[in-house]
Amino acid sequence: MNLKNELLNVDKYFSPRIIGEVNDQYIKVAKIKGQEIPWHNHENEDELFYIIEGSLLMEIEFQEDFIMQKGDFYVVKKGINHRVSSTEECLIMLIESKTTEHTGKVKSEITKSIDQQKY
């Protein structure tokens, strides 16, 4: 499987697509552009972000913001409020528990259910 090829099937920003499974984890890809993700957290799950292409602004509540670049990864620990954005298109891979809700308990117009993320 090629991550960039899998991203060809993603036609909307902030709309993760599940491309695989490892035990109780989903592997997802997404395209990010703009600032549409609301502040949220995942009460019981950590979330791994890996940058395939581009750069991503990672905002973590009560911490200094930082920019992630191609090849970088970061794990947002459970219960930590966060949001991401990008001025230019950014391609990412996520690894999340199968129970992880897209935008945690915060619902917005971009929130996707697990069924909406399946390949």
Protein backbone atom coordinates (compact mmCIF):
# COMPACT_ATOMS: atom_id res chain seq x y z
CA MET A 1 0.00 0.00 0.00
CA ASN A 2 1.24 3.49 -0.84
CA LEU A 3 0.07 6.31 1.43
CA LYS A 4 0.09 8.96 -1.31
CA ASN A 5 -1.95 6.70 -3.59
CA GLU A 6 -4.46 6.11 -0.80
CA LEU A 7 -4.83 9.88 -0.43
CA LEU A 8 -6.05 10.08 -4.04
CA ASN A 9 -9.33 8.64 -2.68
CA VAL A 10 -9.69 11.49 -0.16
CA ASP A 11 -11.55 14.36 -1.81
CA LYS A 12 -12.39 16.56 1.20
CA TYR A 13 -10.20 18.26 3.77
CA PHE A 14 -10.53 17.18 7.43
CA SER A 15 -12.21 13.94 6.32
CA PRO A 16 -10.10 10.97 7.48
CA ARG A 17 -10.28 7.70 5.55
CA ILE A 18 -9.52 4.35 7.21
CA ILE A 19 -7.00 2.45 5.08
CA GLY A 20 -6.04 -0.39 7.41
CA GLU A 21 -6.23 -2.01 10.83
CA VAL A 22 -3.64 -3.28 13.29
CA ASN A 23 -5.13 -5.06 16.28
CA ASP A 24 -7.42 -2.47 17.93
CA GLN A 25 -6.03 0.47 15.94
CA TYR A 26 -7.13 2.11 12.70
CA ILE A 27 -4.63 3.52 10.25
CA LYS A 28 -6.10 6.59 8.55
CA VAL A 29 -5.06 9.17 5.99
CA ALA A 30 -6.39 12.71 5.69
CA LYS A 31 -5.82 15.98 3.89
CA ILE A 32 -5.66 19.16 5.98
CA LYS A 33 -6.04 22.72 4.72
CA GLY A 34 -7.48 25.64 6.66
CA GLN A 35 -8.61 25.88 10.28
CA GLU A 36 -11.80 23.86 10.52
CA ILE A 37 -10.93 21.44 13.32
CA PRO A 38 -12.41 22.57 16.65
CA TRP A 39 -10.52 22.30 19.94
CA HIS A 40 -11.19 18.76 21.19
CA ASN A 41 -9.69 15.83 23.04
CA HIS A 42 -10.06 12.08 23.15
CA GLU A 43 -10.86 11.09 26.72
CA ASN A 44 -9.49 7.54 26.59
CA GLU A 45 -7.25 7.31 23.54
CA ASP A 46 -3.88 8.59 22.36
CA GLU A 47 -3.65 9.76 18.73
CA LEU A 48 -0.57 9.59 16.47
CA PHE A 49 -0.07 12.19 13.70
CA TYR A 50 2.51 11.50 10.96
CA ILE A 51 3.23 14.08 8.25
CA ILE A 52 3.43 12.54 4.77
CA GLU A 53 3.68 15.82 2.84
CA GLY A 54 3.48 19.52 3.73
CA SER A 55 3.47 21.14 7.16
CA LEU A 56 0.95 21.13 9.99
CA LEU A 57 0.37 23.57 12.83
CA MET A 58 -0.17 21.57 16.02
CA GLU A 59 -1.86 23.46 18.83
CA ILE A 60 -1.85 21.85 22.26
CA GLU A 61 -3.70 23.59 25.08
CA PHE A 62 -1.35 25.19 27.64
CA GLN A 63 1.71 24.47 25.46
CA GLU A 64 3.55 26.42 22.79
CA ASP A 65 2.25 25.78 19.25
CA PHE A 66 4.65 24.03 16.87
CA ILE A 67 4.96 23.21 13.18
CA MET A 68 5.30 19.61 12.07
CA GLN A 69 7.10 18.92 8.77
CA LYS A 70 7.27 15.99 6.35
CA GLY A 71 8.51 12.90 8.19
CA ASP A 72 7.60 14.18 11.68
CA PHE A 73 5.25 12.38 14.03
CA TYR A 74 3.66 13.38 17.31
CA VAL A 75 1.45 11.54 19.79
CA VAL A 76 -1.32 13.55 21.41
CA LYS A 77 -1.97 11.88 24.75
CA LYS A 78 -5.51 11.07 25.88
CA GLY A 79 -7.43 13.89 27.49
CA ILE A 80 -5.25 16.66 25.97
CA ASN A 81 -7.12 19.44 24.13
CA HIS A 82 -5.69 19.99 20.67
CA ARG A 83 -6.41 21.12 17.14
CA VAL A 84 -4.51 21.18 13.86
CA SER A 85 -4.46 23.43 10.82
CA SER A 86 -2.44 24.13 7.69
CA THR A 87 -2.28 27.12 5.35
CA GLU A 88 -1.31 24.87 2.41
CA GLU A 89 -2.47 21.32 1.77
CA CYS A 90 -0.93 18.86 4.22
CA LEU A 91 -1.16 15.06 3.90
CA ILE A 92 -1.18 13.10 7.14
CA MET A 93 -1.47 9.58 8.49
CA LEU A 94 -3.23 8.97 11.81
CA ILE A 95 -3.08 5.93 14.06
CA GLU A 96 -5.99 5.81 16.48
CA SER A 97 -7.85 3.29 18.61
CA LYS A 98 -10.99 1.99 16.95
CA THR A 99 -13.01 3.77 19.65
CA THR A 100 -11.55 7.23 18.87
CA GLU A 101 -14.21 9.73 17.84
CA HIS A 102 -13.11 12.10 15.06
CA THR A 103 -13.49 15.33 17.04
CA GLY A 104 -13.96 13.78 20.48
CA LYS A 105 -17.20 14.83 22.16
CA VAL A 106 -17.20 18.11 20.18
CA LYS A 107 -19.51 17.93 17.16
CA SER A 108 -19.10 20.26 14.19
CA GLU A 109 -19.94 20.31 10.49
CA ILE A 110 -16.73 18.40 9.72
CA THR A 111 -17.22 15.61 12.31
CA LYS A 112 -17.23 12.16 10.68
CA SER A 113 -18.48 8.93 12.20
CA ILE A 114 -16.35 5.78 11.93
CA ASP A 115 -18.72 4.50 9.19
CA GLN A 116 -18.12 7.71 7.19
CA GLN A 117 -14.34 7.10 7.46
CA LYS A 118 -14.34 3.50 6.17
CA TYR A 119 -12.71 2.68 2.87
